[in-house]
N, C-alpha and C. Protein backbone atom coordinates (compact mmCIF):
# COMPACT_ATOMS: atom_id res chain seq x y z
N MET A 1 40.10 55.36 89.58
CA MET A 1 40.95 54.12 89.10
C MET A 1 40.57 53.55 87.79
N GLU A 2 41.64 53.25 87.06
CA GLU A 2 41.35 52.60 85.78
C GLU A 2 41.37 51.11 85.86
N ASN A 3 40.43 50.53 85.18
CA ASN A 3 40.62 48.92 85.15
C ASN A 3 41.13 48.50 83.96
N LYS A 4 42.44 48.26 83.81
CA LYS A 4 42.98 47.89 82.39
C LYS A 4 43.24 46.44 82.49
N LYS A 5 43.04 45.91 81.33
CA LYS A 5 43.43 44.35 81.09
C LYS A 5 44.83 44.23 81.00
N GLN A 6 45.42 43.10 81.70
CA GLN A 6 46.83 42.87 81.60
C GLN A 6 47.11 42.24 80.09
N SER A 7 48.18 42.80 79.39
CA SER A 7 48.37 42.16 78.06
C SER A 7 49.07 40.95 78.23
N ILE A 8 48.86 39.94 77.37
CA ILE A 8 49.40 38.75 77.22
C ILE A 8 50.40 38.62 76.19
N LYS A 9 51.57 38.24 76.49
CA LYS A 9 52.59 38.09 75.51
C LYS A 9 53.06 36.64 75.18
N CYS A 10 53.07 36.29 73.85
CA CYS A 10 53.38 34.92 73.65
C CYS A 10 54.86 34.66 74.07
N SER A 11 55.72 35.68 73.74
CA SER A 11 57.24 35.38 74.23
C SER A 11 57.29 35.00 75.62
N GLU A 12 56.50 35.38 76.57
CA GLU A 12 56.58 35.09 77.90
C GLU A 12 55.66 33.74 78.29
N CYS A 13 54.83 33.42 77.45
CA CYS A 13 54.02 32.24 77.69
C CYS A 13 54.74 30.88 77.65
N ASP A 14 54.37 29.98 78.44
CA ASP A 14 54.93 28.58 78.62
C ASP A 14 54.50 27.65 77.47
N TYR A 15 53.47 28.17 76.85
CA TYR A 15 52.74 27.29 75.91
C TYR A 15 53.45 27.51 74.40
N CYS A 16 54.17 28.64 74.21
CA CYS A 16 54.72 29.04 72.95
C CYS A 16 55.94 28.09 72.64
N SER A 17 55.70 27.31 71.55
CA SER A 17 56.89 26.38 71.32
C SER A 17 57.30 26.67 69.96
N GLY A 18 58.67 26.52 69.79
CA GLY A 18 59.37 26.75 68.46
C GLY A 18 60.05 25.49 68.09
N LEU A 19 60.10 25.42 66.54
CA LEU A 19 60.66 24.32 65.98
C LEU A 19 61.54 24.74 64.77
N ARG A 20 62.91 24.45 64.73
CA ARG A 20 63.48 24.85 63.58
C ARG A 20 64.09 23.46 63.06
N ARG A 21 63.65 23.18 61.79
CA ARG A 21 64.19 21.78 61.14
C ARG A 21 65.62 22.03 60.79
N PHE A 22 66.37 20.90 60.79
CA PHE A 22 67.78 20.81 60.41
C PHE A 22 67.77 21.56 58.91
N GLY A 23 68.89 22.36 58.88
CA GLY A 23 69.08 23.12 57.53
C GLY A 23 68.35 24.23 57.38
N ASN A 24 67.25 24.60 58.20
CA ASN A 24 66.46 25.76 57.94
C ASN A 24 66.93 26.85 58.87
N THR A 25 66.69 28.05 58.30
CA THR A 25 67.21 29.32 59.01
C THR A 25 66.17 30.00 60.00
N ARG A 26 64.93 29.72 59.77
CA ARG A 26 63.90 30.29 60.66
C ARG A 26 63.19 29.25 61.47
N THR A 27 62.75 29.69 62.74
CA THR A 27 62.08 28.93 63.58
C THR A 27 60.48 29.20 63.44
N SER A 28 59.73 28.07 63.35
CA SER A 28 58.29 28.31 63.17
C SER A 28 57.68 28.10 64.60
N PHE A 29 56.80 29.10 65.22
CA PHE A 29 56.24 28.97 66.46
C PHE A 29 54.73 28.62 66.30
N THR A 30 54.34 27.76 67.37
CA THR A 30 53.04 27.33 67.49
C THR A 30 52.57 27.53 69.00
N CYS A 31 51.18 27.51 69.10
CA CYS A 31 50.79 27.45 70.58
C CYS A 31 50.43 26.07 70.89
N SER A 32 50.96 25.50 72.01
CA SER A 32 50.70 24.12 72.43
C SER A 32 49.84 24.04 73.58
N HIS A 33 48.91 25.12 73.85
CA HIS A 33 48.03 25.22 74.96
C HIS A 33 47.15 23.86 74.92
N PRO A 34 46.94 23.34 76.18
CA PRO A 34 46.18 22.19 76.32
C PRO A 34 44.63 22.23 75.73
N ASP A 35 44.21 23.40 75.67
CA ASP A 35 42.86 23.73 75.20
C ASP A 35 42.82 23.88 73.58
N HIS A 36 43.40 22.99 72.87
CA HIS A 36 43.50 23.25 71.44
C HIS A 36 42.27 23.14 70.86
N GLY A 37 41.19 22.45 71.37
CA GLY A 37 39.82 22.47 70.78
C GLY A 37 39.35 23.91 70.61
N TYR A 38 39.52 24.76 71.62
CA TYR A 38 39.02 26.14 71.51
C TYR A 38 39.72 26.89 70.34
N ILE A 39 41.03 26.63 70.23
CA ILE A 39 41.78 27.28 69.08
C ILE A 39 41.01 26.76 67.76
N ARG A 40 40.91 25.33 67.61
CA ARG A 40 40.23 24.92 66.37
C ARG A 40 38.88 25.44 66.05
N ASN A 41 38.08 25.50 67.13
CA ASN A 41 36.70 26.12 67.00
C ASN A 41 36.74 27.48 66.58
N TYR A 42 37.63 28.29 67.17
CA TYR A 42 37.84 29.79 66.82
C TYR A 42 38.06 29.93 65.35
N PHE A 43 39.06 29.04 64.90
CA PHE A 43 39.47 29.32 63.52
C PHE A 43 38.39 28.80 62.60
N ASN A 44 37.47 27.72 62.98
CA ASN A 44 36.50 27.49 62.14
C ASN A 44 35.35 28.49 62.06
N GLU A 45 34.96 28.98 63.14
CA GLU A 45 34.00 30.02 63.20
C GLU A 45 34.27 31.28 62.66
N LYS A 46 35.46 31.67 62.59
CA LYS A 46 35.99 32.88 61.83
C LYS A 46 36.45 32.65 60.44
N ARG A 47 36.34 31.28 60.09
CA ARG A 47 36.70 30.92 58.63
C ARG A 47 38.16 31.22 58.34
N MET A 48 39.02 30.92 59.14
CA MET A 48 40.44 31.30 59.03
C MET A 48 41.19 29.94 58.37
N SER A 49 41.86 30.15 57.33
CA SER A 49 42.39 29.11 56.61
C SER A 49 43.77 28.78 56.90
N LYS A 50 44.51 29.47 57.84
CA LYS A 50 45.88 29.01 58.20
C LYS A 50 45.81 27.99 59.28
N MET A 51 46.95 27.34 59.48
CA MET A 51 46.97 26.30 60.55
C MET A 51 46.69 26.82 61.95
N PRO A 52 45.76 26.10 62.60
CA PRO A 52 45.20 26.54 63.97
C PRO A 52 46.50 26.37 64.84
N GLY A 53 46.71 27.53 65.54
CA GLY A 53 47.74 27.47 66.57
C GLY A 53 48.96 27.99 66.02
N PHE A 54 49.14 28.32 64.68
CA PHE A 54 50.43 28.97 64.21
C PHE A 54 50.48 30.35 64.54
N LEU A 55 51.72 30.71 65.16
CA LEU A 55 52.00 32.08 65.59
C LEU A 55 52.93 32.79 64.58
N GLY A 56 53.58 32.06 63.88
CA GLY A 56 54.45 32.83 62.80
C GLY A 56 56.04 32.26 62.73
N TYR A 57 56.64 32.90 62.06
CA TYR A 57 58.17 32.52 61.85
C TYR A 57 58.99 33.56 62.70
N GLY A 58 59.99 33.10 63.15
CA GLY A 58 61.11 34.08 63.79
C GLY A 58 62.04 34.63 62.69
N ALA A 59 62.92 35.43 63.39
CA ALA A 59 63.78 36.07 62.50
C ALA A 59 64.88 34.95 62.17
N ARG A 60 65.85 35.21 61.24
CA ARG A 60 66.80 34.17 60.78
C ARG A 60 67.64 33.96 62.11
N TYR A 61 67.94 32.66 62.35
CA TYR A 61 68.66 32.18 63.42
C TYR A 61 68.33 32.70 64.87
N SER A 62 66.94 33.02 64.93
CA SER A 62 66.59 33.57 66.33
C SER A 62 65.61 32.58 66.81
N ASP A 63 65.59 32.40 68.18
CA ASP A 63 64.67 31.57 68.89
C ASP A 63 63.54 32.49 69.72
N VAL A 64 63.36 33.51 69.18
CA VAL A 64 62.36 34.52 69.89
C VAL A 64 61.18 34.60 68.85
N VAL A 65 59.98 34.49 69.46
CA VAL A 65 58.66 34.64 68.70
C VAL A 65 58.77 36.16 68.07
N SER A 66 58.18 36.37 67.06
CA SER A 66 58.17 37.73 66.47
C SER A 66 57.14 38.55 66.76
N ILE A 67 55.97 37.94 67.30
CA ILE A 67 54.76 38.76 67.64
C ILE A 67 54.91 39.35 69.02
N LYS A 68 54.40 40.52 69.22
CA LYS A 68 54.52 41.12 70.55
C LYS A 68 53.31 40.86 71.58
N THR A 69 52.08 40.75 70.95
CA THR A 69 51.08 40.47 72.00
C THR A 69 50.34 39.13 71.49
N ALA A 70 49.47 38.49 72.27
CA ALA A 70 49.01 37.29 71.93
C ALA A 70 47.77 37.58 70.76
N PRO A 71 47.55 36.63 70.00
CA PRO A 71 46.57 36.85 69.06
C PRO A 71 45.17 36.73 69.61
N ALA A 72 44.12 37.13 68.90
CA ALA A 72 42.81 37.15 69.44
C ALA A 72 42.25 35.68 69.87
N TRP A 73 42.87 34.74 69.13
CA TRP A 73 42.34 33.33 69.38
C TRP A 73 43.05 32.68 70.52
N CYS A 74 43.91 33.31 71.28
CA CYS A 74 44.66 32.78 72.44
C CYS A 74 43.66 32.30 73.48
N PRO A 75 43.75 31.06 73.98
CA PRO A 75 42.89 30.57 74.93
C PRO A 75 42.95 31.29 76.32
N LYS A 76 44.05 31.98 76.53
CA LYS A 76 44.16 32.78 77.73
C LYS A 76 43.39 34.03 77.65
N LYS A 77 42.90 34.42 76.54
CA LYS A 77 42.07 35.58 76.26
C LYS A 77 40.57 35.27 76.02
N LYS A 78 40.30 33.97 76.13
CA LYS A 78 39.03 33.55 75.92
C LYS A 78 37.98 34.25 76.94
N PRO A 79 36.73 34.57 76.57
CA PRO A 79 35.93 35.15 77.52
C PRO A 79 35.38 34.05 78.46
N LEU A 80 35.22 34.56 79.82
CA LEU A 80 34.71 33.75 80.74
C LEU A 80 33.24 33.42 80.65
N GLU A 81 32.82 32.25 80.70
CA GLU A 81 31.46 31.77 80.46
C GLU A 81 30.61 31.78 81.84
């Protein structure tokens, strides 16, 4: 028997939220997980300079997130302590 991890997809996650401002053609997606402190700490530890929790932009006039799997900083992927 193989022990495989289940892949986490942002497109199926309840915490993935998109915002398209009036007059803009692209939706910006962010992670609105309640454990945002973990995300901020991860970004600080890895010295990442982009906005914590930012997933990316969608295609023009689309409301679907463009990434296929969750990023490494996803709180659902964090190791159990």
